[in-house]
Amino acid sequence: MPRIKLKPLNQYSFATEITVRITDLNYGGHLGNDRLLALIHEARVAFLANYGFSEIGCGGVSLILADTAVVYQGEAFAGDKLTFEVAAGEPTKKGFRIFYRLTRKKDKTSIALVENGMVCFDYQTRKIQPLPEVVRAICQ
C-alpha cells in the first residue's frame, strides 16, 4: 500500500502550543497515535476560537469531522512542547479542510503533518449544510 503524502503549507494563520503529558504516551514511550488525534482536536478548538467560532457554532452551522490524514515524521515525548501551526483551506460547497504542522519547539523537529476534512452540519435537522461565507473567509 502506498504511503499518504502530505505537504506543509507555505503559511499558517494560527499557532498554539501544547505540552505532551505522561498520559499521552503509548507503550513505546512516545506520543501515541490516539493521543495525537486528541491533541489535534485541542488545536482545532483553539484555532476556531481564534476566529470567534466553535465546533457547534461556526457561522450558524456546526462542524463534523469527515476525515483525517496523518503523516508521522518524528517522535514526541513527555514534557515536549509542541507547536501546532494551523490553517483552513480548500473550501467547498459544504465544508473545508484544516491543515496542521506539528513541530517540537526546542529543536524545531517535525513531528507530523495532519489534515482534517470538515463538513457543515445542522444537528437539529441532521443534515449537511452549505459552508457559510463567514467561514469561507478564513480559508486561505
N, C-alpha and C. Protein backbone atom coordinates (compact mmCIF):
# COMPACT_ATOMS: atom_id res chain seq x y z
N MET A 1 0.84 -1.17 0.00
CA MET A 1 0.00 0.00 0.00
C MET A 1 0.90 1.24 0.00
N PRO A 2 0.65 2.19 -0.91
CA PRO A 2 1.47 3.40 -0.93
C PRO A 2 1.19 4.27 0.29
N ARG A 3 2.21 4.98 0.73
CA ARG A 3 2.07 5.87 1.88
C ARG A 3 1.33 7.15 1.49
N ILE A 4 0.61 7.70 2.44
CA ILE A 4 -0.04 9.00 2.26
C ILE A 4 1.05 10.06 2.21
N LYS A 5 0.90 11.03 1.31
CA LYS A 5 1.85 12.13 1.22
C LYS A 5 1.12 13.44 1.47
N LEU A 6 1.56 14.16 2.48
CA LEU A 6 1.04 15.49 2.78
C LEU A 6 2.20 16.47 2.67
N LYS A 7 1.92 17.66 2.20
CA LYS A 7 2.95 18.69 2.09
C LYS A 7 2.59 19.83 3.03
N PRO A 8 3.59 20.41 3.70
CA PRO A 8 3.29 21.55 4.56
C PRO A 8 2.88 22.76 3.72
N LEU A 9 2.04 23.59 4.30
CA LEU A 9 1.67 24.83 3.64
C LEU A 9 2.83 25.81 3.73
N ASN A 10 2.83 26.82 2.88
CA ASN A 10 3.83 27.88 2.96
C ASN A 10 3.58 28.79 4.15
N GLN A 11 2.31 28.90 4.54
CA GLN A 11 1.95 29.81 5.62
C GLN A 11 0.76 29.25 6.40
N TYR A 12 0.79 29.43 7.71
CA TYR A 12 -0.31 29.03 8.59
C TYR A 12 -0.80 30.29 9.29
N SER A 13 -2.10 30.39 9.49
CA SER A 13 -2.69 31.61 10.04
C SER A 13 -2.78 31.62 11.56
N PHE A 14 -2.46 30.51 12.22
CA PHE A 14 -2.64 30.40 13.67
C PHE A 14 -1.62 29.41 14.21
N ALA A 15 -1.19 29.65 15.44
CA ALA A 15 -0.31 28.68 16.12
C ALA A 15 -0.66 28.63 17.60
N THR A 16 -0.52 27.45 18.16
CA THR A 16 -0.72 27.24 19.59
C THR A 16 0.29 26.21 20.07
N GLU A 17 0.58 26.23 21.36
CA GLU A 17 1.50 25.25 21.95
C GLU A 17 0.75 24.32 22.87
N ILE A 18 1.10 23.05 22.81
CA ILE A 18 0.53 22.04 23.70
C ILE A 18 1.69 21.18 24.20
N THR A 19 1.71 20.93 25.51
CA THR A 19 2.75 20.10 26.10
C THR A 19 2.30 18.64 26.16
N VAL A 20 3.16 17.74 25.73
CA VAL A 20 2.87 16.30 25.78
C VAL A 20 2.92 15.85 27.24
N ARG A 21 1.87 15.17 27.67
CA ARG A 21 1.76 14.69 29.05
C ARG A 21 2.13 13.21 29.11
N ILE A 22 2.40 12.75 30.31
CA ILE A 22 2.68 11.32 30.52
C ILE A 22 1.54 10.47 29.99
N THR A 23 0.31 10.91 30.20
CA THR A 23 -0.85 10.13 29.75
C THR A 23 -1.01 10.13 28.24
N ASP A 24 -0.20 10.92 27.53
CA ASP A 24 -0.23 10.94 26.06
C ASP A 24 0.70 9.90 25.44
N LEU A 25 1.48 9.21 26.28
CA LEU A 25 2.46 8.25 25.77
C LEU A 25 1.85 6.87 25.59
N ASN A 26 2.41 6.13 24.64
CA ASN A 26 2.00 4.74 24.45
C ASN A 26 3.07 3.81 25.00
N TYR A 27 2.92 2.52 24.78
CA TYR A 27 3.87 1.55 25.32
C TYR A 27 5.27 1.72 24.74
N GLY A 28 5.40 2.42 23.62
CA GLY A 28 6.72 2.69 23.03
C GLY A 28 7.42 3.87 23.68
N GLY A 29 6.73 4.53 24.62
CA GLY A 29 7.33 5.65 25.33
C GLY A 29 7.26 6.98 24.60
N HIS A 30 6.55 7.02 23.48
CA HIS A 30 6.38 8.28 22.75
C HIS A 30 4.88 8.58 22.56
N LEU A 31 4.60 9.75 22.01
CA LEU A 31 3.22 10.19 21.78
C LEU A 31 2.46 9.13 20.99
N GLY A 32 1.34 8.66 21.55
CA GLY A 32 0.53 7.65 20.89
C GLY A 32 -0.32 8.24 19.78
N ASN A 33 -0.64 7.43 18.78
CA ASN A 33 -1.43 7.93 17.65
C ASN A 33 -2.82 8.36 18.08
N ASP A 34 -3.41 7.68 19.06
CA ASP A 34 -4.73 8.08 19.54
C ASP A 34 -4.68 9.43 20.25
N ARG A 35 -3.61 9.66 20.99
CA ARG A 35 -3.46 10.92 21.72
C ARG A 35 -3.12 12.06 20.76
N LEU A 36 -2.41 11.75 19.68
CA LEU A 36 -2.15 12.79 18.68
C LEU A 36 -3.47 13.34 18.16
N LEU A 37 -4.43 12.47 17.89
CA LEU A 37 -5.73 12.92 17.40
C LEU A 37 -6.44 13.79 18.43
N ALA A 38 -6.30 13.45 19.71
CA ALA A 38 -6.89 14.28 20.77
C ALA A 38 -6.22 15.65 20.83
N LEU A 39 -4.90 15.70 20.65
CA LEU A 39 -4.20 16.98 20.65
C LEU A 39 -4.57 17.81 19.42
N ILE A 40 -4.76 17.15 18.29
CA ILE A 40 -5.24 17.85 17.08
C ILE A 40 -6.60 18.47 17.35
N HIS A 41 -7.46 17.74 18.05
CA HIS A 41 -8.78 18.28 18.40
C HIS A 41 -8.62 19.54 19.25
N GLU A 42 -7.73 19.51 20.24
CA GLU A 42 -7.47 20.70 21.07
C GLU A 42 -7.01 21.87 20.21
N ALA A 43 -6.10 21.61 19.29
CA ALA A 43 -5.59 22.67 18.41
C ALA A 43 -6.69 23.21 17.51
N ARG A 44 -7.56 22.33 17.02
CA ARG A 44 -8.68 22.76 16.17
C ARG A 44 -9.63 23.67 16.94
N VAL A 45 -9.95 23.30 18.18
CA VAL A 45 -10.84 24.12 19.01
C VAL A 45 -10.21 25.50 19.24
N ALA A 46 -8.91 25.55 19.52
CA ALA A 46 -8.22 26.83 19.73
C ALA A 46 -8.21 27.65 18.44
N PHE A 47 -7.97 27.00 17.31
CA PHE A 47 -7.98 27.68 16.01
C PHE A 47 -9.34 28.31 15.74
N LEU A 48 -10.40 27.55 15.91
CA LEU A 48 -11.75 28.08 15.67
C LEU A 48 -12.06 29.22 16.63
N ALA A 49 -11.69 29.07 17.91
CA ALA A 49 -11.95 30.11 18.91
C ALA A 49 -11.23 31.41 18.54
N ASN A 50 -10.07 31.31 17.92
CA ASN A 50 -9.33 32.48 17.49
C ASN A 50 -10.16 33.34 16.53
N TYR A 51 -11.07 32.72 15.80
CA TYR A 51 -11.94 33.43 14.86
C TYR A 51 -13.34 33.66 15.42
N GLY A 52 -13.54 33.34 16.70
CA GLY A 52 -14.85 33.52 17.32
C GLY A 52 -15.82 32.39 17.04
N PHE A 53 -15.31 31.25 16.59
CA PHE A 53 -16.14 30.10 16.26
C PHE A 53 -15.94 28.98 17.27
N SER A 54 -16.84 28.00 17.21
CA SER A 54 -16.66 26.74 17.93
C SER A 54 -17.14 25.63 16.99
N GLU A 55 -16.98 24.40 17.41
CA GLU A 55 -17.42 23.29 16.56
C GLU A 55 -18.94 23.20 16.47
N ILE A 56 -19.64 23.81 17.42
CA ILE A 56 -21.11 23.79 17.36
C ILE A 56 -21.69 25.17 17.06
N GLY A 57 -20.83 26.14 16.82
CA GLY A 57 -21.26 27.48 16.47
C GLY A 57 -20.26 28.11 15.52
N CYS A 58 -20.40 27.78 14.27
CA CYS A 58 -19.43 28.21 13.27
C CYS A 58 -20.17 28.89 12.11
N GLY A 59 -20.47 30.16 12.31
CA GLY A 59 -21.18 30.89 11.27
C GLY A 59 -22.60 30.42 11.06
N GLY A 60 -23.23 29.89 12.12
CA GLY A 60 -24.61 29.42 12.02
C GLY A 60 -24.76 27.94 11.78
N VAL A 61 -23.65 27.23 11.65
CA VAL A 61 -23.68 25.77 11.47
C VAL A 61 -22.75 25.13 12.50
N SER A 62 -22.85 23.82 12.62
CA SER A 62 -21.89 23.04 13.40
C SER A 62 -20.92 22.39 12.43
N LEU A 63 -19.82 21.90 12.96
CA LEU A 63 -18.84 21.20 12.13
C LEU A 63 -18.71 19.76 12.59
N ILE A 64 -18.62 18.86 11.62
CA ILE A 64 -18.31 17.47 11.94
C ILE A 64 -17.06 17.07 11.18
N LEU A 65 -16.30 16.21 11.80
CA LEU A 65 -15.06 15.71 11.20
C LEU A 65 -15.40 14.59 10.23
N ALA A 66 -15.04 14.78 8.96
CA ALA A 66 -15.35 13.78 7.93
C ALA A 66 -14.17 12.83 7.67
N ASP A 67 -12.95 13.35 7.76
CA ASP A 67 -11.79 12.51 7.53
C ASP A 67 -10.55 13.14 8.15
N THR A 68 -9.56 12.31 8.37
CA THR A 68 -8.27 12.76 8.89
C THR A 68 -7.16 12.00 8.18
N ALA A 69 -6.12 12.73 7.81
CA ALA A 69 -4.91 12.12 7.26
C ALA A 69 -3.74 12.57 8.13
N VAL A 70 -2.88 11.62 8.49
CA VAL A 70 -1.72 11.91 9.33
C VAL A 70 -0.47 11.32 8.69
N VAL A 71 0.58 12.12 8.63
CA VAL A 71 1.89 11.62 8.25
C VAL A 71 2.82 11.90 9.43
N TYR A 72 3.27 10.83 10.07
CA TYR A 72 4.18 10.96 11.20
C TYR A 72 5.59 11.18 10.69
N GLN A 73 6.28 12.16 11.30
CA GLN A 73 7.62 12.49 10.84
C GLN A 73 8.67 12.39 11.94
N GLY A 74 8.25 12.31 13.18
CA GLY A 74 9.18 12.24 14.30
C GLY A 74 8.46 11.86 15.57
N GLU A 75 9.24 11.57 16.60
CA GLU A 75 8.67 11.19 17.89
C GLU A 75 8.53 12.41 18.79
N ALA A 76 7.54 12.36 19.67
CA ALA A 76 7.38 13.36 20.73
C ALA A 76 7.30 12.62 22.05
N PHE A 77 7.85 13.24 23.10
CA PHE A 77 7.96 12.59 24.39
C PHE A 77 7.35 13.46 25.48
N ALA A 78 7.13 12.86 26.65
CA ALA A 78 6.56 13.59 27.78
C ALA A 78 7.37 14.85 28.06
N GLY A 79 6.67 15.95 28.25
CA GLY A 79 7.31 17.23 28.52
C GLY A 79 7.64 18.04 27.29
N ASP A 80 7.62 17.42 26.11
CA ASP A 80 7.89 18.18 24.89
C ASP A 80 6.79 19.22 24.67
N LYS A 81 7.21 20.44 24.38
CA LYS A 81 6.26 21.48 23.98
C LYS A 81 6.16 21.42 22.46
N LEU A 82 4.96 21.17 21.98
CA LEU A 82 4.74 21.08 20.54
C LEU A 82 4.05 22.34 20.04
N THR A 83 4.53 22.86 18.93
CA THR A 83 3.87 23.98 18.25
C THR A 83 2.96 23.39 17.19
N PHE A 84 1.69 23.76 17.26
CA PHE A 84 0.69 23.34 16.29
C PHE A 84 0.39 24.55 15.41
N GLU A 85 0.88 24.54 14.18
CA GLU A 85 0.53 25.59 13.23
C GLU A 85 -0.71 25.11 12.49
N VAL A 86 -1.68 26.00 12.32
CA VAL A 86 -2.99 25.59 11.80
C VAL A 86 -3.47 26.60 10.76
N ALA A 87 -4.12 26.10 9.72
CA ALA A 87 -4.74 26.95 8.71
C ALA A 87 -5.93 26.22 8.10
N ALA A 88 -6.89 26.98 7.63
CA ALA A 88 -8.04 26.42 6.91
C ALA A 88 -7.87 26.71 5.42
N GLY A 89 -8.39 25.80 4.60
CA GLY A 89 -8.29 25.99 3.15
C GLY A 89 -9.18 25.03 2.39
N GLU A 90 -9.05 25.07 1.08
CA GLU A 90 -9.81 24.20 0.17
C GLU A 90 -11.31 24.19 0.47
N PRO A 91 -11.93 25.37 0.52
CA PRO A 91 -13.38 25.40 0.78
C PRO A 91 -14.16 24.76 -0.36
N THR A 92 -15.26 24.10 0.00
CA THR A 92 -16.18 23.51 -0.97
C THR A 92 -17.57 24.05 -0.67
N LYS A 93 -18.57 23.54 -1.33
CA LYS A 93 -19.95 23.97 -1.07
C LYS A 93 -20.40 23.62 0.34
N LYS A 94 -19.88 22.52 0.89
CA LYS A 94 -20.38 22.01 2.18
C LYS A 94 -19.32 21.90 3.27
N GLY A 95 -18.10 22.31 3.01
CA GLY A 95 -17.07 22.16 4.03
C GLY A 95 -15.73 22.74 3.61
N PHE A 96 -14.69 22.32 4.30
CA PHE A 96 -13.34 22.82 4.06
C PHE A 96 -12.35 21.88 4.74
N ARG A 97 -11.07 22.16 4.54
CA ARG A 97 -10.03 21.35 5.17
C ARG A 97 -9.27 22.21 6.18
N ILE A 98 -8.78 21.55 7.23
CA ILE A 98 -7.90 22.20 8.20
C ILE A 98 -6.56 21.49 8.13
N PHE A 99 -5.49 22.27 8.03
CA PHE A 99 -4.13 21.77 7.88
C PHE A 99 -3.32 22.07 9.14
N TYR A 100 -2.51 21.12 9.55
CA TYR A 100 -1.70 21.27 10.76
C TYR A 100 -0.25 20.86 10.46
N ARG A 101 0.66 21.61 11.06
CA ARG A 101 2.07 21.21 11.08
C ARG A 101 2.50 21.22 12.54
N LEU A 102 2.99 20.08 13.02
CA LEU A 102 3.41 19.94 14.41
C LEU A 102 4.93 19.87 14.46
N THR A 103 5.53 20.73 15.29
CA THR A 103 6.97 20.70 15.49
C THR A 103 7.29 20.77 16.97
N ARG A 104 8.40 20.15 17.35
CA ARG A 104 8.87 20.26 18.73
C ARG A 104 9.52 21.63 18.86
N LYS A 105 9.09 22.40 19.86
CA LYS A 105 9.52 23.79 19.99
C LYS A 105 11.03 23.92 20.19
N LYS A 106 11.62 23.08 21.05
CA LYS A 106 13.02 23.29 21.44
C LYS A 106 14.03 23.07 20.31
N ASP A 107 13.72 22.18 19.38
CA ASP A 107 14.69 21.90 18.32
C ASP A 107 14.10 21.94 16.91
N LYS A 108 12.84 22.35 16.82
CA LYS A 108 12.14 22.50 15.52
C LYS A 108 12.00 21.19 14.75
N THR A 109 12.11 20.05 15.45
CA THR A 109 11.92 18.75 14.80
C THR A 109 10.48 18.60 14.35
N SER A 110 10.29 18.19 13.11
CA SER A 110 8.95 17.93 12.58
C SER A 110 8.40 16.67 13.22
N ILE A 111 7.19 16.76 13.77
CA ILE A 111 6.55 15.61 14.41
C ILE A 111 5.49 15.01 13.50
N ALA A 112 4.66 15.84 12.87
CA ALA A 112 3.60 15.31 12.00
C ALA A 112 3.01 16.41 11.13
N LEU A 113 2.45 15.98 10.01
CA LEU A 113 1.56 16.80 9.19
C LEU A 113 0.20 16.13 9.25
N VAL A 114 -0.84 16.95 9.40
CA VAL A 114 -2.19 16.41 9.57
C VAL A 114 -3.16 17.26 8.75
N GLU A 115 -4.18 16.60 8.20
CA GLU A 115 -5.29 17.30 7.54
C GLU A 115 -6.60 16.73 8.07
N ASN A 116 -7.55 17.63 8.31
CA ASN A 116 -8.92 17.25 8.67
C ASN A 116 -9.86 17.75 7.60
N GLY A 117 -10.79 16.91 7.17
CA GLY A 117 -11.89 17.34 6.31
C GLY A 117 -13.08 17.66 7.20
N MET A 118 -13.57 18.88 7.15
CA MET A 118 -14.68 19.32 7.99
C MET A 118 -15.92 19.54 7.12
N VAL A 119 -17.07 19.12 7.62
CA VAL A 119 -18.34 19.27 6.91
C VAL A 119 -19.28 20.07 7.79
N CYS A 120 -20.02 20.99 7.18
CA CYS A 120 -21.00 21.81 7.90
C CYS A 120 -22.26 20.99 8.13
N PHE A 121 -22.83 21.10 9.33
CA PHE A 121 -23.91 20.21 9.73
C PHE A 121 -24.89 20.95 10.64
N ASP A 122 -26.16 20.58 10.54
CA ASP A 122 -27.20 21.09 11.43
C ASP A 122 -27.68 19.92 12.28
N TYR A 123 -27.41 19.98 13.59
CA TYR A 123 -27.77 18.87 14.47
C TYR A 123 -29.27 18.76 14.71
N GLN A 124 -30.02 19.83 14.49
CA GLN A 124 -31.48 19.75 14.66
C GLN A 124 -32.13 19.01 13.50
N THR A 125 -31.72 19.34 12.29
CA THR A 125 -32.31 18.68 11.11
C THR A 125 -31.55 17.42 10.72
N ARG A 126 -30.34 17.25 11.30
CA ARG A 126 -29.47 16.11 11.00
C ARG A 126 -29.07 16.10 9.52
N LYS A 127 -28.83 17.29 8.97
CA LYS A 127 -28.48 17.41 7.55
C LYS A 127 -27.22 18.25 7.36
N ILE A 128 -26.50 17.90 6.30
CA ILE A 128 -25.35 18.68 5.89
C ILE A 128 -25.83 20.03 5.38
N GLN A 129 -25.06 21.08 5.67
CA GLN A 129 -25.44 22.45 5.34
C GLN A 129 -24.38 23.11 4.44
N PRO A 130 -24.76 24.18 3.75
CA PRO A 130 -23.78 24.92 2.95
C PRO A 130 -22.73 25.61 3.85
N LEU A 131 -21.55 25.78 3.32
CA LEU A 131 -20.49 26.48 4.02
C LEU A 131 -20.83 27.96 4.11
N PRO A 132 -20.95 28.52 5.33
CA PRO A 132 -21.24 29.95 5.46
C PRO A 132 -20.09 30.81 4.91
N GLU A 133 -20.44 31.93 4.33
CA GLU A 133 -19.43 32.82 3.75
C GLU A 133 -18.43 33.30 4.80
N VAL A 134 -18.90 33.52 6.04
CA VAL A 134 -18.01 33.98 7.10
C VAL A 134 -16.95 32.91 7.43
N VAL A 135 -17.28 31.66 7.23
CA VAL A 135 -16.31 30.58 7.43
C VAL A 135 -15.40 30.46 6.20
N ARG A 136 -15.98 30.59 5.02
CA ARG A 136 -15.19 30.56 3.78
C ARG A 136 -14.09 31.63 3.83
N ALA A 137 -14.38 32.75 4.48
CA ALA A 137 -13.43 33.86 4.54
C ALA A 137 -12.16 33.53 5.32
N ILE A 138 -12.19 32.55 6.22
CA ILE A 138 -10.98 32.19 6.96
C ILE A 138 -10.12 31.18 6.21
N CYS A 139 -10.64 30.68 5.10
CA CYS A 139 -9.88 29.71 4.30
C CYS A 139 -8.86 30.45 3.44
N GLN A 140 -7.62 29.98 3.47
CA GLN A 140 -6.55 30.62 2.71
C GLN A 140 -6.67 30.29 1.24
